[in-house]
């Protein structure tokens, strides 16, 4: 097998983390699951990440028609902005998405308009490019608890609102791992201390729901995962300890928000 280039980090259990190149190194990841010659991407990064993802397939000796699924944990542009462009290169792949996210990837005009209203046209063009619509016939919407098979490897989807209403996580029993998108927050490698990640909630203003997020995190932890695969960034272990710390930090954020709201009255 060819040696993976530096942007691909092989993990155990046929999982690879690919640096999408968004913003800075090791900020935004796509995970590639490989099982018996078949493959699935979990999150894609932006349009600009597509060459990196295709390079990863080539480096691992995988044909483009070996990819069965492109999975979006949710439709924020740093996670799914490149989905339509990537699918143009993967003839057999289905886009797997939460049903509340489908319309945004089939017709991404609202996603782009929202981003442009915040960042401006020039910055959106630079960071994300022009989103490619996903053909409806290539979309597979998940049901809560649904299991998809990747060459006999079970991937179970659980709906996890809180960070966004269109979020789901993927339980991979083979690795004992959960692909969490942003449900378990972010753990940027440069913030690690003594080899332990610093995990903090991701709290976007539009759909952040701390009660729903707390319930979703507890549901994820109920699977007793041995590892989490974070889009921001990569694999973390010692999940029980990190999960408890995450929930405590989430409660602190809610308390600070409540104090701030009272102070403004």
Protein backbone atom coordinates (compact mmCIF):
# COMPACT_ATOMS: atom_id res chain seq x y z
CA UNK A 1 0.00 0.00 0.00
CA UNK A 2 1.41 3.46 -0.85
CA UNK A 3 2.61 5.57 2.05
CA UNK A 4 -0.06 8.17 2.96
CA UNK A 5 0.98 11.80 2.46
CA UNK A 6 1.43 13.99 5.57
CA UNK A 7 -2.20 15.21 5.51
CA UNK A 8 -3.47 11.67 6.23
CA UNK A 9 -3.09 10.19 9.71
CA UNK A 10 -3.83 6.46 9.96
CA UNK A 11 -5.64 5.44 13.12
CA UNK A 12 -6.60 1.93 14.20
CA UNK A 13 -9.61 -0.05 12.94
CA UNK A 14 -9.40 1.18 9.34
CA UNK A 15 -10.03 4.83 10.21
CA UNK A 16 -7.99 7.68 8.76
CA UNK A 17 -8.12 11.35 9.69
CA UNK A 18 -7.53 13.76 6.79
CA UNK A 19 -6.64 17.39 7.38
CA UNK A 20 -8.98 19.38 5.10
CA UNK A 21 -6.72 22.45 5.19
CA UNK A 22 -9.49 24.77 6.38
CA UNK A 23 -8.19 27.83 8.28
CA UNK A 24 -4.95 26.22 9.53
CA UNK A 25 -3.37 22.78 10.00
CA UNK A 26 -5.25 20.31 12.21
CA UNK A 27 -8.30 22.52 12.57
CA UNK A 28 -10.86 20.69 10.43
CA UNK A 29 -10.95 16.96 9.69
CA UNK A 30 -12.59 14.52 7.36
CA UNK A 31 -12.53 10.93 8.56
CA UNK A 32 -12.29 8.06 6.10
CA UNK A 33 -13.53 4.62 7.13
CA UNK A 34 -12.17 1.71 5.09
CA UNK A 35 -13.62 -1.78 5.35
CA UNK A 36 -12.80 -4.67 3.01
CA UNK A 37 -12.01 -2.37 0.09
CA UNK A 38 -15.07 -0.15 0.55
CA UNK A 39 -14.99 3.34 2.03
CA UNK A 40 -17.03 6.12 3.58
CA UNK A 41 -16.13 9.74 4.29
CA UNK A 42 -17.45 11.36 7.48
CA UNK A 43 -17.58 15.12 6.86
CA UNK A 44 -15.88 16.67 3.86
CA UNK A 45 -14.63 20.10 4.80
CA UNK A 46 -15.16 22.82 2.21
CA UNK A 47 -14.92 22.74 -1.58
CA UNK A 48 -11.21 23.45 -1.24
CA UNK A 49 -10.75 20.14 0.61
CA UNK A 50 -11.97 17.97 -2.27
CA UNK A 51 -8.52 17.52 -3.91
CA UNK A 52 -7.11 16.43 -0.55
CA UNK A 53 -9.85 13.83 -0.09
CA UNK A 54 -9.33 12.45 -3.58
CA UNK A 55 -5.58 12.38 -2.95
CA UNK A 56 -6.22 10.37 0.20
CA UNK A 57 -8.13 7.74 -1.77
CA UNK A 58 -5.33 7.48 -4.31
CA UNK A 59 -2.66 7.27 -1.60
CA UNK A 60 -4.52 4.42 0.08
CA UNK A 61 -4.99 2.56 -3.21
CA UNK A 62 -8.75 3.04 -3.25
CA UNK A 63 -10.67 3.68 -6.46
CA UNK A 64 -13.17 6.50 -6.45
CA UNK A 65 -16.00 4.06 -7.12
CA UNK A 66 -15.09 2.25 -3.87
CA UNK A 67 -16.71 5.01 -1.81
CA UNK A 68 -20.24 4.04 -0.81
CA UNK A 69 -21.13 6.95 1.48
CA UNK A 70 -20.34 10.60 2.04
CA UNK A 71 -21.70 11.29 5.51
CA UNK A 72 -22.38 14.82 6.76
CA UNK A 73 -22.64 14.97 10.55
CA UNK A 74 -24.47 18.27 9.95
CA UNK A 75 -24.61 20.85 7.18
CA UNK A 76 -22.41 23.66 8.52
CA UNK A 77 -20.03 24.62 5.75
CA UNK A 78 -16.83 23.49 7.48
CA UNK A 79 -18.38 20.02 7.70
CA UNK A 80 -20.42 19.61 4.52
CA UNK A 81 -19.59 22.52 2.23
CA UNK A 82 -17.64 20.26 -0.11
CA UNK A 83 -20.19 17.43 -0.25
CA UNK A 84 -21.68 18.30 -3.64
CA UNK A 85 -18.32 18.86 -5.29
CA UNK A 86 -16.93 15.63 -3.84
CA UNK A 87 -19.89 13.56 -5.02
CA UNK A 88 -19.15 14.63 -8.60
CA UNK A 89 -15.99 12.48 -8.38
CA UNK A 90 -17.53 9.48 -6.57
CA UNK A 91 -19.94 7.68 -8.94
CA UNK A 92 -21.31 5.17 -6.41
CA UNK A 93 -21.54 7.30 -3.29
CA UNK A 94 -24.71 8.40 -1.54
CA UNK A 95 -24.84 11.51 0.62
CA UNK A 96 -26.01 10.50 4.10
CA UNK A 97 -27.58 13.41 5.96
CA UNK A 98 -30.03 14.22 8.75
CA UNK A 99 -33.48 14.81 7.18
CA UNK A 100 -33.52 18.40 8.43
CA UNK A 101 -30.32 19.10 6.51
CA UNK A 102 -31.26 17.69 3.12
CA UNK A 103 -32.83 20.82 1.67
CA UNK A 104 -29.74 22.87 2.44
CA UNK A 105 -27.45 20.58 0.44
CA UNK A 106 -29.87 19.98 -2.43
CA UNK A 107 -30.30 23.75 -2.72
CA UNK A 108 -27.42 25.43 -0.88
CA UNK A 109 -28.51 28.98 -1.75
CA UNK A 110 -29.78 29.67 1.79
CA UNK A 111 -26.56 28.37 3.35
CA UNK A 112 -24.52 30.65 1.11
CA UNK A 113 -26.77 33.64 1.70
CA UNK A 114 -26.51 33.17 5.45
CA UNK A 115 -22.72 32.90 5.29
CA UNK A 116 -22.44 35.95 3.03
CA UNK A 117 -24.58 38.01 5.41
CA UNK A 118 -22.06 37.31 8.16
CA UNK A 119 -18.70 37.21 6.35
CA UNK A 120 -19.31 39.08 3.10
CA UNK A 121 -19.11 37.85 -0.48
CA UNK A 122 -15.33 37.97 -0.81
CA UNK A 123 -14.60 35.99 2.36
CA UNK A 124 -17.21 33.33 1.55
CA UNK A 125 -15.74 32.91 -1.93
CA UNK A 126 -12.24 32.62 -0.47
CA UNK A 127 -13.10 30.23 2.36
CA UNK A 128 -15.86 28.10 0.87
CA UNK A 129 -16.19 28.63 -2.86
CA UNK A 130 -19.47 28.17 -4.71
CA UNK A 131 -21.41 25.24 -3.26
CA UNK A 132 -22.40 22.48 -5.67
CA UNK A 133 -26.01 21.25 -5.26
CA UNK A 134 -26.43 17.56 -4.44
CA UNK A 135 -28.84 15.70 -6.76
CA UNK A 136 -31.86 14.59 -4.69
CA UNK A 137 -31.61 11.04 -6.00
CA UNK A 138 -28.17 10.72 -4.39
CA UNK A 139 -29.40 11.65 -0.91
CA UNK A 140 -30.03 9.11 1.84
CA UNK A 141 -31.77 10.61 4.87
CA UNK A 142 -31.22 8.93 8.22
CA UNK A 143 -33.74 7.81 10.78
CA UNK A 144 -32.79 7.87 14.44
CA UNK A 145 -31.21 4.52 15.25
CA UNK A 146 -30.82 3.52 11.60
CA UNK A 147 -27.93 1.19 10.71
CA UNK A 148 -26.07 1.31 7.40
CA UNK A 149 -23.67 -1.41 6.36
CA UNK A 150 -20.24 -0.63 4.94
CA UNK A 151 -19.02 -3.97 3.60
CA UNK A 152 -20.60 -5.64 6.64
CA UNK A 153 -19.42 -2.97 9.07
CA UNK A 154 -22.39 -1.54 10.96
CA UNK A 155 -22.66 2.24 11.22
CA UNK A 156 -25.52 3.36 13.46
CA UNK A 157 -26.90 6.89 13.22
CA UNK A 158 -28.30 8.66 16.26
CA UNK A 159 -29.91 12.07 16.03
CA UNK A 160 -28.13 14.48 18.36
CA UNK A 161 -29.65 17.98 18.40
CA UNK A 162 -28.13 20.75 20.48
CA UNK A 163 -25.28 22.10 18.39
CA UNK A 164 -27.68 22.12 15.44
CA UNK A 165 -31.09 20.59 14.85
CA UNK A 166 -29.75 18.79 11.76
CA UNK A 167 -26.98 16.92 13.59
CA UNK A 168 -26.46 13.19 13.89
CA UNK A 169 -23.56 11.13 15.24
CA UNK A 170 -22.32 7.79 13.95
CA UNK A 171 -21.62 4.84 16.22
CA UNK A 172 -19.01 2.46 14.82
CA UNK A 173 -19.06 -0.68 16.94
CA UNK A 174 -16.02 -2.11 15.11
CA UNK A 175 -13.75 0.61 16.48
CA UNK A 176 -15.72 1.31 19.64
CA UNK A 177 -15.79 4.87 18.36
CA UNK A 178 -18.34 7.61 17.85
CA UNK A 179 -18.02 10.14 15.04
CA UNK A 180 -19.36 13.18 16.86
CA UNK A 181 -19.10 16.11 14.46
CA UNK A 182 -19.55 19.03 16.88
CA UNK A 183 -21.84 17.36 19.43
CA UNK A 184 -18.94 16.70 21.83
CA UNK A 185 -17.41 20.05 21.00
CA UNK A 186 -13.89 20.79 19.81
CA UNK A 187 -10.46 19.66 21.01
CA UNK A 188 -7.79 21.48 19.04
CA UNK A 189 -4.48 19.58 19.38
CA UNK A 190 -2.44 22.66 20.26
CA UNK A 191 -4.57 23.15 23.38
CA UNK A 192 -3.67 19.72 24.76
CA UNK A 193 -1.90 19.68 28.11
CA UNK A 194 0.27 16.80 29.31
CA UNK A 195 -1.02 14.77 26.38
CA UNK A 196 -4.67 15.25 27.35
CA UNK A 197 -7.11 17.10 25.08
CA UNK A 198 -8.96 20.20 26.19
CA UNK A 199 -12.56 19.63 25.14
CA UNK A 200 -14.96 22.58 24.99
CA UNK A 201 -18.52 22.96 23.66
CA UNK A 202 -19.14 24.52 20.25
CA UNK A 203 -21.98 27.03 20.68
CA UNK A 204 -23.16 28.53 17.37
CA UNK A 205 -25.72 31.28 17.97
CA UNK A 206 -28.44 30.22 15.56
CA UNK A 207 -29.53 26.78 16.82
CA UNK A 208 -27.57 26.22 20.04
CA UNK A 209 -29.82 24.46 22.56
CA UNK A 210 -27.93 23.56 25.76
CA UNK A 211 -30.65 21.29 27.17
CA UNK A 212 -30.87 19.29 23.95
CA UNK A 213 -27.08 19.20 23.69
CA UNK A 214 -26.69 17.89 27.22
CA UNK A 215 -29.20 15.13 26.47
CA UNK A 216 -27.41 14.29 23.22
CA UNK A 217 -24.03 14.09 24.95
CA UNK A 218 -25.43 11.80 27.62
CA UNK A 219 -26.89 9.61 24.91
CA UNK A 220 -23.52 9.40 23.15
CA UNK A 221 -21.79 8.51 26.42
CA UNK A 222 -24.42 5.81 26.97
CA UNK A 223 -22.81 3.83 24.14
CA UNK A 224 -19.65 3.65 26.29
CA UNK A 225 -17.39 4.70 23.40
CA UNK A 226 -13.68 4.04 23.77
CA UNK A 227 -12.80 6.88 21.43
CA UNK A 228 -14.39 9.90 19.82
CA UNK A 229 -13.65 11.08 16.30
CA UNK A 230 -14.01 14.87 16.29
CA UNK A 231 -14.18 17.02 13.20
CA UNK A 232 -12.20 19.57 15.25
CA UNK A 233 -9.91 17.58 15.58
CA UNK A 234 -9.23 13.87 15.27
CA UNK A 235 -9.31 11.02 17.76
CA UNK A 236 -9.59 11.45 21.53
CA UNK A 237 -9.79 8.77 24.20
CA UNK A 238 -10.48 8.71 27.97
CA UNK A 239 -14.03 9.43 26.90
CA UNK A 240 -15.79 9.04 30.25
CA UNK A 241 -13.58 11.66 31.91
CA UNK A 242 -13.77 14.02 28.95
CA UNK A 243 -17.52 13.63 28.73
CA UNK A 244 -18.00 14.54 32.39
CA UNK A 245 -15.73 17.56 31.97
CA UNK A 246 -17.61 18.61 28.84
CA UNK A 247 -20.98 18.50 30.62
CA UNK A 248 -19.57 20.56 33.50
CA UNK A 249 -18.23 23.18 31.09
CA UNK A 250 -21.54 23.26 29.25
CA UNK A 251 -23.33 23.93 32.55
CA UNK A 252 -20.87 26.74 33.30
CA UNK A 253 -21.56 28.33 29.92
CA UNK A 254 -25.30 28.22 30.57
CA UNK A 255 -24.82 29.79 34.01
CA UNK A 256 -22.63 32.57 32.59
CA UNK A 257 -25.20 33.22 29.88
CA UNK A 258 -27.99 33.45 32.46
CA UNK A 259 -25.95 35.89 34.57
CA UNK A 260 -25.26 38.02 31.53
CA UNK A 261 -28.94 38.07 30.62
CA UNK A 262 -29.92 39.13 34.15
CA UNK A 263 -27.26 41.86 34.14
CA UNK A 264 -28.80 43.38 31.01
CA UNK A 265 -32.27 43.63 32.56
